[in-house]
Amino acid sequence: TEKKKYGTEYSVDSPAITGYTADKTIVSGTMPAEDLEVTVTYSILPYTLTVHYVYADGPMKGQAAFKDYTKKVDYGDEYRKQTTPIVGYTADQLVVNGKMPAEDLEVTVSYSINSYYLTVYYVYANGNTAVATHKDTLDYGDSYSVPSPAVEGYTPDKTVVSGKMETEDVVVYVTYT
């Protein structure tokens, strides 16, 4: 509120309010011959939330590139985005959530490949341990091929243990007869 004489120029800046925009940033004009009341209306601002999805070690094992998630969220509103699970990988954030700040927000979710154990036990048909045990740690999707060791006078039921790592530890028994 301010008193002005008829015919004088006036100019009043609308105060800045974080996360809002005024419909009139400046109220100005020439004072009429009566009281003047002007209403400035503030609207909440939307900002852009972008979630980037990446593989920790770059694109791996034939996985396709991710598409970013983008959404407009009003200042001060809560946001929540569940992270999409990917077989054989672990995300560093299961949920992206919070309160929208007064600026665009970018969040990165990083997926790391999971590792599993491959264990091959070499046993005689009577159950006794034969030659040795083979142990490896392999990433999801890795191929493996482990030749069975030769044991004089015995034949293994699997000459080579091979396959592709799935989402659990692999245990294989090679029996010598």
C-alpha atoms as a PDB file:
ATOM      1  CA  THR A   1       0.000   0.000   0.000  1.00  0.00           C
ATOM      2  CA  GLU A   2       1.325   3.363  -0.987  1.00  0.00           C
ATOM      3  CA  LYS A   3      -0.275   6.814  -1.382  1.00  0.00           C
ATOM      4  CA  LYS A   4       0.249   8.481  -4.764  1.00  0.00           C
ATOM      5  CA  LYS A   5      -1.058  11.732  -6.207  1.00  0.00           C
ATOM      6  CA  TYR A   6      -3.393  11.736  -9.151  1.00  0.00           C
ATOM      7  CA  GLY A   7      -1.456  11.621 -12.458  1.00  0.00           C
ATOM      8  CA  THR A   8       1.849  10.411 -11.038  1.00  0.00           C
ATOM      9  CA  GLU A   9       3.659   7.400 -12.480  1.00  0.00           C
ATOM     10  CA  TYR A  10       4.009   4.293 -10.346  1.00  0.00           C
ATOM     11  CA  SER A  11       6.016   1.072 -10.738  1.00  0.00           C
ATOM     12  CA  VAL A  12       6.090  -1.736  -8.200  1.00  0.00           C
ATOM     13  CA  ASP A  13       8.067  -4.967  -8.662  1.00  0.00           C
ATOM     14  CA  SER A  14       6.229  -8.133  -7.657  1.00  0.00           C
ATOM     15  CA  PRO A  15       8.269  -9.972  -5.016  1.00  0.00           C
ATOM     16  CA  ALA A  16      10.001 -13.185  -6.110  1.00  0.00           C
ATOM     17  CA  ILE A  17       8.670 -16.346  -4.462  1.00  0.00           C
ATOM     18  CA  THR A  18      10.710 -19.542  -4.868  1.00  0.00           C
ATOM     19  CA  GLY A  19       8.968 -22.067  -7.102  1.00  0.00           C
ATOM     20  CA  TYR A  20       6.243 -19.663  -8.245  1.00  0.00           C
ATOM     21  CA  THR A  21       5.766 -17.202 -11.090  1.00  0.00           C
ATOM     22  CA  ALA A  22       3.770 -13.955 -10.943  1.00  0.00           C
ATOM     23  CA  ASP A  23       1.280 -13.089 -13.680  1.00  0.00           C
ATOM     24  CA  LYS A  24       2.572  -9.493 -13.443  1.00  0.00           C
ATOM     25  CA  THR A  25       6.272  -9.058 -12.635  1.00  0.00           C
ATOM     26  CA  ILE A  26       5.862  -5.273 -12.509  1.00  0.00           C
ATOM     27  CA  VAL A  27       2.699  -3.310 -11.729  1.00  0.00           C
ATOM     28  CA  SER A  28       3.018   0.133 -13.344  1.00  0.00           C
ATOM     29  CA  GLY A  29       0.986   2.952 -14.801  1.00  0.00           C
ATOM     30  CA  THR A  30      -0.395   6.405 -14.041  1.00  0.00           C
ATOM     31  CA  MET A  31      -2.366   7.000 -10.860  1.00  0.00           C
ATOM     32  CA  PRO A  32      -6.086   7.536 -11.564  1.00  0.00           C
ATOM     33  CA  ALA A  33      -8.376   9.889  -9.659  1.00  0.00           C
ATOM     34  CA  GLU A  34      -9.467   7.112  -7.295  1.00  0.00           C
ATOM     35  CA  ASP A  35      -7.956   4.390  -5.140  1.00  0.00           C
ATOM     36  CA  LEU A  36      -6.356   1.620  -7.179  1.00  0.00           C
ATOM     37  CA  GLU A  37      -6.070  -2.022  -6.165  1.00  0.00           C
ATOM     38  CA  VAL A  38      -4.149  -4.529  -8.303  1.00  0.00           C
ATOM     39  CA  THR A  39      -4.031  -8.284  -7.697  1.00  0.00           C
ATOM     40  CA  VAL A  40      -0.915 -10.237  -8.643  1.00  0.00           C
ATOM     41  CA  THR A  41      -1.567 -13.964  -8.961  1.00  0.00           C
ATOM     42  CA  TYR A  42       1.208 -16.491  -8.398  1.00  0.00           C
ATOM     43  CA  SER A  43       1.231 -19.883 -10.117  1.00  0.00           C
ATOM     44  CA  ILE A  44       3.325 -22.845  -9.018  1.00  0.00           C
ATOM     45  CA  LEU A  45       6.098 -23.748 -11.440  1.00  0.00           C
ATOM     46  CA  PRO A  46       6.602 -27.231 -12.838  1.00  0.00           C
ATOM     47  CA  TYR A  47      10.154 -28.510 -13.176  1.00  0.00           C
ATOM     48  CA  THR A  48      11.515 -31.492 -15.080  1.00  0.00           C
ATOM     49  CA  LEU A  49      12.534 -34.659 -13.266  1.00  0.00           C
ATOM     50  CA  THR A  50      14.840 -36.806 -15.393  1.00  0.00           C
ATOM     51  CA  VAL A  51      16.029 -40.235 -14.303  1.00  0.00           C
ATOM     52  CA  HIS A  52      19.005 -41.583 -16.259  1.00  0.00           C
ATOM     53  CA  TYR A  53      19.576 -45.345 -16.206  1.00  0.00           C
ATOM     54  CA  VAL A  54      23.106 -46.583 -16.871  1.00  0.00           C
ATOM     55  CA  TYR A  55      25.175 -49.726 -16.560  1.00  0.00           C
ATOM     56  CA  ALA A  56      28.018 -49.210 -14.069  1.00  0.00           C
ATOM     57  CA  ASP A  57      30.583 -50.587 -16.516  1.00  0.00           C
ATOM     58  CA  GLY A  58      28.955 -49.390 -19.738  1.00  0.00           C
ATOM     59  CA  PRO A  59      26.606 -51.462 -21.921  1.00  0.00           C
ATOM     60  CA  MET A  60      27.233 -55.122 -21.142  1.00  0.00           C
ATOM     61  CA  LYS A  61      26.297 -58.632 -22.152  1.00  0.00           C
ATOM     62  CA  GLY A  62      24.026 -57.648 -25.007  1.00  0.00           C
ATOM     63  CA  GLN A  63      21.779 -55.444 -22.860  1.00  0.00           C
ATOM     64  CA  ALA A  64      19.993 -52.656 -24.735  1.00  0.00           C
ATOM     65  CA  ALA A  65      20.515 -48.998 -23.895  1.00  0.00           C
ATOM     66  CA  PHE A  66      18.086 -47.457 -21.430  1.00  0.00           C
ATOM     67  CA  LYS A  67      15.545 -44.780 -22.179  1.00  0.00           C
ATOM     68  CA  ASP A  68      15.498 -41.886 -19.691  1.00  0.00           C
ATOM     69  CA  TYR A  69      12.388 -41.315 -17.597  1.00  0.00           C
ATOM     70  CA  THR A  70      11.185 -37.700 -17.771  1.00  0.00           C
ATOM     71  CA  LYS A  71       8.244 -36.120 -15.992  1.00  0.00           C
ATOM     72  CA  LYS A  72       7.066 -32.611 -15.103  1.00  0.00           C
ATOM     73  CA  VAL A  73       6.612 -32.197 -11.339  1.00  0.00           C
ATOM     74  CA  ASP A  74       5.325 -29.062  -9.588  1.00  0.00           C
ATOM     75  CA  TYR A  75       7.657 -27.353  -7.149  1.00  0.00           C
ATOM     76  CA  GLY A  76       7.303 -28.869  -3.676  1.00  0.00           C
ATOM     77  CA  ASP A  77       5.371 -31.950  -4.833  1.00  0.00           C
ATOM     78  CA  GLU A  78       6.539 -35.421  -3.884  1.00  0.00           C
ATOM     79  CA  TYR A  79       7.840 -37.625  -6.691  1.00  0.00           C
ATOM     80  CA  ARG A  80       8.408 -41.394  -6.702  1.00  0.00           C
ATOM     81  CA  LYS A  81       9.710 -43.636  -9.493  1.00  0.00           C
ATOM     82  CA  GLN A  82      10.240 -47.361  -8.916  1.00  0.00           C
ATOM     83  CA  THR A  83      13.430 -48.653 -10.542  1.00  0.00           C
ATOM     84  CA  THR A  84      12.848 -51.374 -13.118  1.00  0.00           C
ATOM     85  CA  PRO A  85      14.500 -54.651 -12.108  1.00  0.00           C
ATOM     86  CA  ILE A  86      16.862 -56.239 -14.646  1.00  0.00           C
ATOM     87  CA  VAL A  87      17.704 -59.927 -14.428  1.00  0.00           C
ATOM     88  CA  GLY A  88      21.326 -60.427 -13.395  1.00  0.00           C
ATOM     89  CA  TYR A  89      21.880 -56.806 -12.339  1.00  0.00           C
ATOM     90  CA  THR A  90      21.456 -54.785  -9.149  1.00  0.00           C
ATOM     91  CA  ALA A  91      20.405 -51.104  -9.174  1.00  0.00           C
ATOM     92  CA  ASP A  92      22.079 -48.708  -6.735  1.00  0.00           C
ATOM     93  CA  GLN A  93      18.642 -47.167  -6.017  1.00  0.00           C
ATOM     94  CA  LEU A  94      15.456 -49.230  -5.872  1.00  0.00           C
ATOM     95  CA  VAL A  95      13.268 -46.114  -5.724  1.00  0.00           C
ATOM     96  CA  VAL A  96      13.947 -42.532  -6.820  1.00  0.00           C
ATOM     97  CA  ASN A  97      11.866 -40.253  -4.603  1.00  0.00           C
ATOM     98  CA  GLY A  98      11.843 -36.919  -2.848  1.00  0.00           C
ATOM     99  CA  LYS A  99      10.354 -33.438  -2.940  1.00  0.00           C
ATOM    100  CA  MET A 100      10.733 -31.437  -6.150  1.00  0.00           C
ATOM    101  CA  PRO A 101      13.131 -28.496  -5.762  1.00  0.00           C
ATOM    102  CA  ALA A 102      12.771 -25.157  -7.558  1.00  0.00           C
ATOM    103  CA  GLU A 103      14.892 -26.359 -10.471  1.00  0.00           C
ATOM    104  CA  ASP A 104      15.080 -29.205 -12.961  1.00  0.00           C
ATOM    105  CA  LEU A 105      16.404 -32.367 -11.334  1.00  0.00           C
ATOM    106  CA  GLU A 106      18.498 -35.151 -12.843  1.00  0.00           C
ATOM    107  CA  VAL A 107      19.079 -38.448 -11.024  1.00  0.00           C
ATOM    108  CA  THR A 108      21.227 -41.343 -12.241  1.00  0.00           C
ATOM    109  CA  VAL A 109      20.432 -44.959 -11.376  1.00  0.00           C
ATOM    110  CA  SER A 110      23.397 -47.273 -11.979  1.00  0.00           C
ATOM    111  CA  TYR A 111      23.066 -51.017 -12.564  1.00  0.00           C
ATOM    112  CA  SER A 112      25.938 -53.348 -11.637  1.00  0.00           C
ATOM    113  CA  ILE A 113      26.217 -56.864 -12.965  1.00  0.00           C
ATOM    114  CA  ASN A 114      25.841 -59.655 -10.404  1.00  0.00           C
ATOM    115  CA  SER A 115      28.491 -62.336  -9.898  1.00  0.00           C
ATOM    116  CA  TYR A 116      27.861 -65.974  -9.013  1.00  0.00           C
ATOM    117  CA  TYR A 117      29.948 -69.016  -8.120  1.00  0.00           C
ATOM    118  CA  LEU A 118      30.630 -71.960 -10.395  1.00  0.00           C
ATOM    119  CA  THR A 119      31.752 -75.011  -8.416  1.00  0.00           C
ATOM    120  CA  VAL A 120      32.621 -78.326 -10.027  1.00  0.00           C
ATOM    121  CA  TYR A 121      33.100 -81.325  -7.737  1.00  0.00           C
ATOM    122  CA  TYR A 122      34.999 -84.295  -9.148  1.00  0.00           C
ATOM    123  CA  VAL A 123      33.968 -87.517  -7.390  1.00  0.00           C
ATOM    124  CA  TYR A 124      34.363 -91.244  -7.845  1.00  0.00           C
ATOM    125  CA  ALA A 125      31.248 -93.303  -8.398  1.00  0.00           C
ATOM    126  CA  ASN A 126      31.519 -94.463  -4.761  1.00  0.00           C
ATOM    127  CA  GLY A 127      31.231 -90.799  -3.594  1.00  0.00           C
ATOM    128  CA  ASN A 128      34.885 -90.216  -2.625  1.00  0.00           C
ATOM    129  CA  THR A 129      36.573 -87.050  -3.856  1.00  0.00           C
ATOM    130  CA  ALA A 130      38.510 -87.728  -7.029  1.00  0.00           C
ATOM    131  CA  VAL A 131      40.961 -85.165  -8.311  1.00  0.00           C
ATOM    132  CA  ALA A 132      40.032 -81.748  -6.999  1.00  0.00           C
ATOM    133  CA  THR A 133      37.358 -79.120  -6.888  1.00  0.00           C
ATOM    134  CA  HIS A 134      37.100 -76.308  -9.431  1.00  0.00           C
ATOM    135  CA  LYS A 135      35.781 -72.906  -8.252  1.00  0.00           C
ATOM    136  CA  ASP A 136      35.213 -69.740 -10.262  1.00  0.00           C
ATOM    137  CA  THR A 137      33.411 -66.454  -9.777  1.00  0.00           C
ATOM    138  CA  LEU A 138      31.647 -65.410 -12.969  1.00  0.00           C
ATOM    139  CA  ASP A 139      29.390 -62.546 -13.973  1.00  0.00           C
ATOM    140  CA  TYR A 140      25.799 -63.111 -15.000  1.00  0.00           C
ATOM    141  CA  GLY A 141      25.689 -64.118 -18.662  1.00  0.00           C
ATOM    142  CA  ASP A 142      29.334 -65.261 -18.820  1.00  0.00           C
ATOM    143  CA  SER A 143      29.943 -68.485 -20.697  1.00  0.00           C
ATOM    144  CA  TYR A 144      32.089 -71.136 -19.073  1.00  0.00           C
ATOM    145  CA  SER A 145      33.816 -74.267 -20.293  1.00  0.00           C
ATOM    146  CA  VAL A 146      35.801 -76.349 -17.812  1.00  0.00           C
ATOM    147  CA  PRO A 147      37.434 -79.553 -19.072  1.00  0.00           C
ATOM    148  CA  SER A 148      37.310 -82.418 -16.590  1.00  0.00           C
ATOM    149  CA  PRO A 149      40.809 -83.483 -15.513  1.00  0.00           C
ATOM    150  CA  ALA A 150      42.090 -86.847 -16.665  1.00  0.00           C
ATOM    151  CA  VAL A 151      42.268 -89.513 -13.962  1.00  0.00           C
ATOM    152  CA  GLU A 152      44.199 -92.585 -15.031  1.00  0.00           C
ATOM    153  CA  GLY A 153      41.933 -95.618 -15.285  1.00  0.00           C
ATOM    154  CA  TYR A 154      38.690 -93.605 -14.897  1.00  0.00           C
ATOM    155  CA  THR A 155      36.231 -91.970 -17.270  1.00  0.00           C
ATOM    156  CA  PRO A 156      34.284 -88.798 -16.306  1.00  0.00           C
ATOM    157  CA  ASP A 157      30.561 -88.672 -17.071  1.00  0.00           C
ATOM    158  CA  LYS A 158      31.113 -85.124 -18.353  1.00  0.00           C
ATOM    159  CA  THR A 159      34.315 -84.437 -20.275  1.00  0.00           C
ATOM    160  CA  VAL A 160      33.566 -80.716 -20.265  1.00  0.00           C
ATOM    161  CA  VAL A 161      31.328 -78.718 -17.946  1.00  0.00           C
ATOM    162  CA  SER A 162      29.967 -75.794 -19.948  1.00  0.00           C
ATOM    163  CA  GLY A 163      27.120 -73.360 -19.948  1.00  0.00           C
ATOM    164  CA  LYS A 164      26.137 -69.789 -19.283  1.00  0.00           C
ATOM    165  CA  MET A 165      25.901 -68.206 -15.821  1.00  0.00           C
ATOM    166  CA  GLU A 166      22.340 -67.617 -14.760  1.00  0.00           C
ATOM    167  CA  THR A 167      21.110 -65.760 -11.659  1.00  0.00           C
ATOM    168  CA  GLU A 168      22.296 -68.237  -9.067  1.00  0.00           C
ATOM    169  CA  ASP A 169      25.370 -70.195  -8.076  1.00  0.00           C
ATOM    170  CA  VAL A 170      26.018 -73.282 -10.211  1.00  0.00           C
ATOM    171  CA  VAL A 171      27.164 -76.575  -8.690  1.00  0.00           C
ATOM    172  CA  VAL A 172      28.071 -79.489 -10.960  1.00  0.00           C
ATOM    173  CA  TYR A 173      29.212 -82.999 -10.040  1.00  0.00           C
ATOM    174  CA  VAL A 174      31.457 -84.907 -12.445  1.00  0.00           C
ATOM    175  CA  THR A 175      31.439 -88.615 -11.603  1.00  0.00           C
ATOM    176  CA  TYR A 176      34.385 -90.843 -12.487  1.00  0.00           C
ATOM    177  CA  THR A 177      33.764 -94.560 -13.127  1.00  0.00           C
END
